[in-house]
Amino acid sequence: MFKHYFEQMEGVSIYPVFSLLIFFLFFVGLGIYVFFLDKKTEKHMENLPLED
């Protein structure tokens, strides 16, 4: 049903590329954030599930 509507729209092929780019950049940014995370903060977050 939706395929018919998307076939009528011009430029709809850019949406999957845009979505993939956002997905990729989010996880690259998250990886960079975790890589440069302060060790003190890392230890604090590591022990959070064990604390009351």
PDB file of N, CA and C in Angstrom:
ATOM      1  N   MET A   1       0.823  -1.185   0.000  1.00  0.00           N
ATOM      2  CA  MET A   1       0.000   0.000   0.000  1.00  0.00           C
ATOM      3  C   MET A   1       0.876   1.262   0.000  1.00  0.00           C
ATOM      4  N   PHE A   2       1.834   1.333   0.921  1.00  0.00           N
ATOM      5  CA  PHE A   2       2.685   2.509   0.998  1.00  0.00           C
ATOM      6  C   PHE A   2       3.660   2.580  -0.172  1.00  0.00           C
ATOM      7  N   LYS A   3       3.967   1.420  -0.735  1.00  0.00           N
ATOM      8  CA  LYS A   3       4.897   1.397  -1.864  1.00  0.00           C
ATOM      9  C   LYS A   3       4.360   2.247  -3.015  1.00  0.00           C
ATOM     10  N   HIS A   4       3.061   2.191  -3.238  1.00  0.00           N
ATOM     11  CA  HIS A   4       2.445   2.983  -4.305  1.00  0.00           C
ATOM     12  C   HIS A   4       2.626   4.482  -4.048  1.00  0.00           C
ATOM     13  N   TYR A   5       2.435   4.901  -2.802  1.00  0.00           N
ATOM     14  CA  TYR A   5       2.591   6.318  -2.471  1.00  0.00           C
ATOM     15  C   TYR A   5       4.041   6.771  -2.617  1.00  0.00           C
ATOM     16  N   PHE A   6       4.974   5.920  -2.202  1.00  0.00           N
ATOM     17  CA  PHE A   6       6.386   6.291  -2.295  1.00  0.00           C
ATOM     18  C   PHE A   6       6.875   6.329  -3.736  1.00  0.00           C
ATOM     19  N   GLU A   7       6.275   5.513  -4.597  1.00  0.00           N
ATOM     20  CA  GLU A   7       6.662   5.544  -6.004  1.00  0.00           C
ATOM     21  C   GLU A   7       6.244   6.852  -6.666  1.00  0.00           C
ATOM     22  N   GLN A   8       5.207   7.481  -6.167  1.00  0.00           N
ATOM     23  CA  GLN A   8       4.712   8.728  -6.737  1.00  0.00           C
ATOM     24  C   GLN A   8       5.535   9.933  -6.297  1.00  0.00           C
ATOM     25  N   MET A   9       6.263   9.804  -5.195  1.00  0.00           N
ATOM     26  CA  MET A   9       7.047  10.937  -4.676  1.00  0.00           C
ATOM     27  C   MET A   9       8.387  11.030  -5.389  1.00  0.00           C
ATOM     28  N   GLU A  10       8.795  12.236  -5.696  1.00  0.00           N
ATOM     29  CA  GLU A  10      10.113  12.435  -6.300  1.00  0.00           C
ATOM     30  C   GLU A  10      11.145  12.656  -5.199  1.00  0.00           C
ATOM     31  N   GLY A  11      12.327  12.133  -5.376  1.00  0.00           N
ATOM     32  CA  GLY A  11      13.403  12.328  -4.420  1.00  0.00           C
ATOM     33  C   GLY A  11      13.285  11.475  -3.165  1.00  0.00           C
ATOM     34  N   VAL A  12      12.429  10.454  -3.201  1.00  0.00           N
ATOM     35  CA  VAL A  12      12.238   9.627  -2.011  1.00  0.00           C
ATOM     36  C   VAL A  12      13.440   8.706  -1.778  1.00  0.00           C
ATOM     37  N   SER A  13      14.270   8.527  -2.766  1.00  0.00           N
ATOM     38  CA  SER A  13      15.426   7.637  -2.612  1.00  0.00           C
ATOM     39  C   SER A  13      16.484   8.222  -1.681  1.00  0.00           C
ATOM     40  N   ILE A  14      16.401   9.496  -1.353  1.00  0.00           N
ATOM     41  CA  ILE A  14      17.381  10.120  -0.471  1.00  0.00           C
ATOM     42  C   ILE A  14      17.123   9.759   0.986  1.00  0.00           C
ATOM     43  N   TYR A  15      15.881   9.406   1.357  1.00  0.00           N
ATOM     44  CA  TYR A  15      15.547   9.121   2.748  1.00  0.00           C
ATOM     45  C   TYR A  15      16.301   7.918   3.321  1.00  0.00           C
ATOM     46  N   PRO A  16      16.421   6.797   2.607  1.00  0.00           N
ATOM     47  CA  PRO A  16      17.215   5.693   3.172  1.00  0.00           C
ATOM     48  C   PRO A  16      18.690   6.050   3.357  1.00  0.00           C
ATOM     49  N   VAL A  17      19.239   6.810   2.444  1.00  0.00           N
ATOM     50  CA  VAL A  17      20.641   7.223   2.553  1.00  0.00           C
ATOM     51  C   VAL A  17      20.807   8.149   3.755  1.00  0.00           C
ATOM     52  N   PHE A  18      19.880   9.071   3.927  1.00  0.00           N
ATOM     53  CA  PHE A  18      19.919  10.005   5.044  1.00  0.00           C
ATOM     54  C   PHE A  18      19.781   9.260   6.370  1.00  0.00           C
ATOM     55  N   SER A  19      18.891   8.288   6.430  1.00  0.00           N
ATOM     56  CA  SER A  19      18.693   7.499   7.647  1.00  0.00           C
ATOM     57  C   SER A  19      19.942   6.690   7.987  1.00  0.00           C
ATOM     58  N   LEU A  20      20.556   6.082   6.983  1.00  0.00           N
ATOM     59  CA  LEU A  20      21.780   5.317   7.213  1.00  0.00           C
ATOM     60  C   LEU A  20      22.904   6.222   7.690  1.00  0.00           C
ATOM     61  N   LEU A  21      22.993   7.410   7.144  1.00  0.00           N
ATOM     62  CA  LEU A  21      24.026   8.356   7.551  1.00  0.00           C
ATOM     63  C   LEU A  21      23.841   8.775   9.004  1.00  0.00           C
ATOM     64  N   ILE A  22      22.613   9.061   9.412  1.00  0.00           N
ATOM     65  CA  ILE A  22      22.345   9.421  10.806  1.00  0.00           C
ATOM     66  C   ILE A  22      22.688   8.258  11.723  1.00  0.00           C
ATOM     67  N   PHE A  23      22.266   7.047  11.351  1.00  0.00           N
ATOM     68  CA  PHE A  23      22.548   5.845  12.141  1.00  0.00           C
ATOM     69  C   PHE A  23      24.047   5.648  12.306  1.00  0.00           C
ATOM     70  N   PHE A  24      24.804   5.761  11.216  1.00  0.00           N
ATOM     71  CA  PHE A  24      26.248   5.559  11.235  1.00  0.00           C
ATOM     72  C   PHE A  24      26.943   6.634  12.071  1.00  0.00           C
ATOM     73  N   LEU A  25      26.577   7.890  11.879  1.00  0.00           N
ATOM     74  CA  LEU A  25      27.216   8.974  12.618  1.00  0.00           C
ATOM     75  C   LEU A  25      26.919   8.901  14.109  1.00  0.00           C
ATOM     76  N   PHE A  26      25.718   8.457  14.474  1.00  0.00           N
ATOM     77  CA  PHE A  26      25.375   8.306  15.883  1.00  0.00           C
ATOM     78  C   PHE A  26      26.292   7.289  16.559  1.00  0.00           C
ATOM     79  N   PHE A  27      26.483   6.127  15.939  1.00  0.00           N
ATOM     80  CA  PHE A  27      27.303   5.105  16.559  1.00  0.00           C
ATOM     81  C   PHE A  27      28.793   5.421  16.501  1.00  0.00           C
ATOM     82  N   VAL A  28      29.236   6.122  15.498  1.00  0.00           N
ATOM     83  CA  VAL A  28      30.632   6.571  15.464  1.00  0.00           C
ATOM     84  C   VAL A  28      30.857   7.594  16.580  1.00  0.00           C
ATOM     85  N   GLY A  29      29.924   8.521  16.742  1.00  0.00           N
ATOM     86  CA  GLY A  29      30.029   9.509  17.820  1.00  0.00           C
ATOM     87  C   GLY A  29      29.993   8.866  19.183  1.00  0.00           C
ATOM     88  N   LEU A  30      29.138   7.868  19.350  1.00  0.00           N
ATOM     89  CA  LEU A  30      29.059   7.154  20.620  1.00  0.00           C
ATOM     90  C   LEU A  30      30.360   6.400  20.905  1.00  0.00           C
ATOM     91  N   GLY A  31      30.937   5.804  19.884  1.00  0.00           N
ATOM     92  CA  GLY A  31      32.212   5.111  20.056  1.00  0.00           C
ATOM     93  C   GLY A  31      33.331   6.063  20.435  1.00  0.00           C
ATOM     94  N   ILE A  32      33.364   7.227  19.816  1.00  0.00           N
ATOM     95  CA  ILE A  32      34.384   8.232  20.148  1.00  0.00           C
ATOM     96  C   ILE A  32      34.191   8.727  21.578  1.00  0.00           C
ATOM     97  N   TYR A  33      32.935   8.937  21.981  1.00  0.00           N
ATOM     98  CA  TYR A  33      32.643   9.377  23.349  1.00  0.00           C
ATOM     99  C   TYR A  33      33.135   8.355  24.370  1.00  0.00           C
ATOM    100  N   VAL A  34      32.862   7.094  24.126  1.00  0.00           N
ATOM    101  CA  VAL A  34      33.275   6.039  25.060  1.00  0.00           C
ATOM    102  C   VAL A  34      34.798   5.892  25.070  1.00  0.00           C
ATOM    103  N   PHE A  35      35.429   6.043  23.919  1.00  0.00           N
ATOM    104  CA  PHE A  35      36.872   5.890  23.839  1.00  0.00           C
ATOM    105  C   PHE A  35      37.599   6.978  24.640  1.00  0.00           C
ATOM    106  N   PHE A  36      37.080   8.198  24.621  1.00  0.00           N
ATOM    107  CA  PHE A  36      37.727   9.310  25.313  1.00  0.00           C
ATOM    108  C   PHE A  36      37.124   9.595  26.685  1.00  0.00           C
ATOM    109  N   LEU A  37      36.321   8.686  27.204  1.00  0.00           N
ATOM    110  CA  LEU A  37      35.680   8.865  28.500  1.00  0.00           C
ATOM    111  C   LEU A  37      36.718   8.841  29.613  1.00  0.00           C
ATOM    112  N   ASP A  38      36.544   9.699  30.599  1.00  0.00           N
ATOM    113  CA  ASP A  38      37.438   9.772  31.748  1.00  0.00           C
ATOM    114  C   ASP A  38      37.363   8.462  32.534  1.00  0.00           C
ATOM    115  N   LYS A  39      38.485   7.974  33.001  1.00  0.00           N
ATOM    116  CA  LYS A  39      38.535   6.688  33.713  1.00  0.00           C
ATOM    117  C   LYS A  39      37.745   6.725  35.021  1.00  0.00           C
ATOM    118  N   LYS A  40      37.733   7.876  35.687  1.00  0.00           N
ATOM    119  CA  LYS A  40      36.978   7.995  36.934  1.00  0.00           C
ATOM    120  C   LYS A  40      35.474   7.845  36.660  1.00  0.00           C
ATOM    121  N   THR A  41      35.009   8.484  35.605  1.00  0.00           N
ATOM    122  CA  THR A  41      33.602   8.380  35.218  1.00  0.00           C
ATOM    123  C   THR A  41      33.276   6.958  34.779  1.00  0.00           C
ATOM    124  N   GLU A  42      34.210   6.325  34.089  1.00  0.00           N
ATOM    125  CA  GLU A  42      34.012   4.946  33.637  1.00  0.00           C
ATOM    126  C   GLU A  42      33.850   4.005  34.827  1.00  0.00           C
ATOM    127  N   LYS A  43      34.690   4.161  35.834  1.00  0.00           N
ATOM    128  CA  LYS A  43      34.592   3.318  37.031  1.00  0.00           C
ATOM    129  C   LYS A  43      33.284   3.567  37.776  1.00  0.00           C
ATOM    130  N   HIS A  44      32.870   4.830  37.839  1.00  0.00           N
ATOM    131  CA  HIS A  44      31.611   5.165  38.512  1.00  0.00           C
ATOM    132  C   HIS A  44      30.427   4.493  37.804  1.00  0.00           C
ATOM    133  N   MET A  45      30.371   4.590  36.491  1.00  0.00           N
ATOM    134  CA  MET A  45      29.271   4.002  35.741  1.00  0.00           C
ATOM    135  C   MET A  45      29.349   2.478  35.748  1.00  0.00           C
ATOM    136  N   GLU A  46      30.547   1.932  35.849  1.00  0.00           N
ATOM    137  CA  GLU A  46      30.742   0.486  35.885  1.00  0.00           C
ATOM    138  C   GLU A  46      30.127  -0.107  37.143  1.00  0.00           C
ATOM    139  N   ASN A  47      30.206   0.628  38.265  1.00  0.00           N
ATOM    140  CA  ASN A  47      29.728   0.110  39.548  1.00  0.00           C
ATOM    141  C   ASN A  47      28.280   0.468  39.857  1.00  0.00           C
ATOM    142  N   LEU A  48      27.624   1.243  39.015  1.00  0.00           N
ATOM    143  CA  LEU A  48      26.241   1.659  39.287  1.00  0.00           C
ATOM    144  C   LEU A  48      25.268   0.478  39.464  1.00  0.00           C
ATOM    145  N   PRO A  49      25.326  -0.577  38.668  1.00  0.00           N
ATOM    146  CA  PRO A  49      24.358  -1.672  38.878  1.00  0.00           C
ATOM    147  C   PRO A  49      24.569  -2.414  40.209  1.00  0.00           C
ATOM    148  N   LEU A  50      25.755  -2.313  40.795  1.00  0.00           N
ATOM    149  CA  LEU A  50      26.051  -3.053  42.017  1.00  0.00           C
ATOM    150  C   LEU A  50      25.700  -2.267  43.272  1.00  0.00           C
ATOM    151  N   GLU A  51      25.471  -0.954  43.124  1.00  0.00           N
ATOM    152  CA  GLU A  51      25.179  -0.115  44.296  1.00  0.00           C
ATOM    153  C   GLU A  51      23.702  -0.191  44.651  1.00  0.00           C
ATOM    154  N   ASP A  52      23.390   0.087  45.913  1.00  0.00           N
ATOM    155  CA  ASP A  52      21.977   0.105  46.342  1.00  0.00           C
ATOM    156  C   ASP A  52      21.326   1.417  46.048  1.00  0.00           C
TER     157      ASP A  52
END
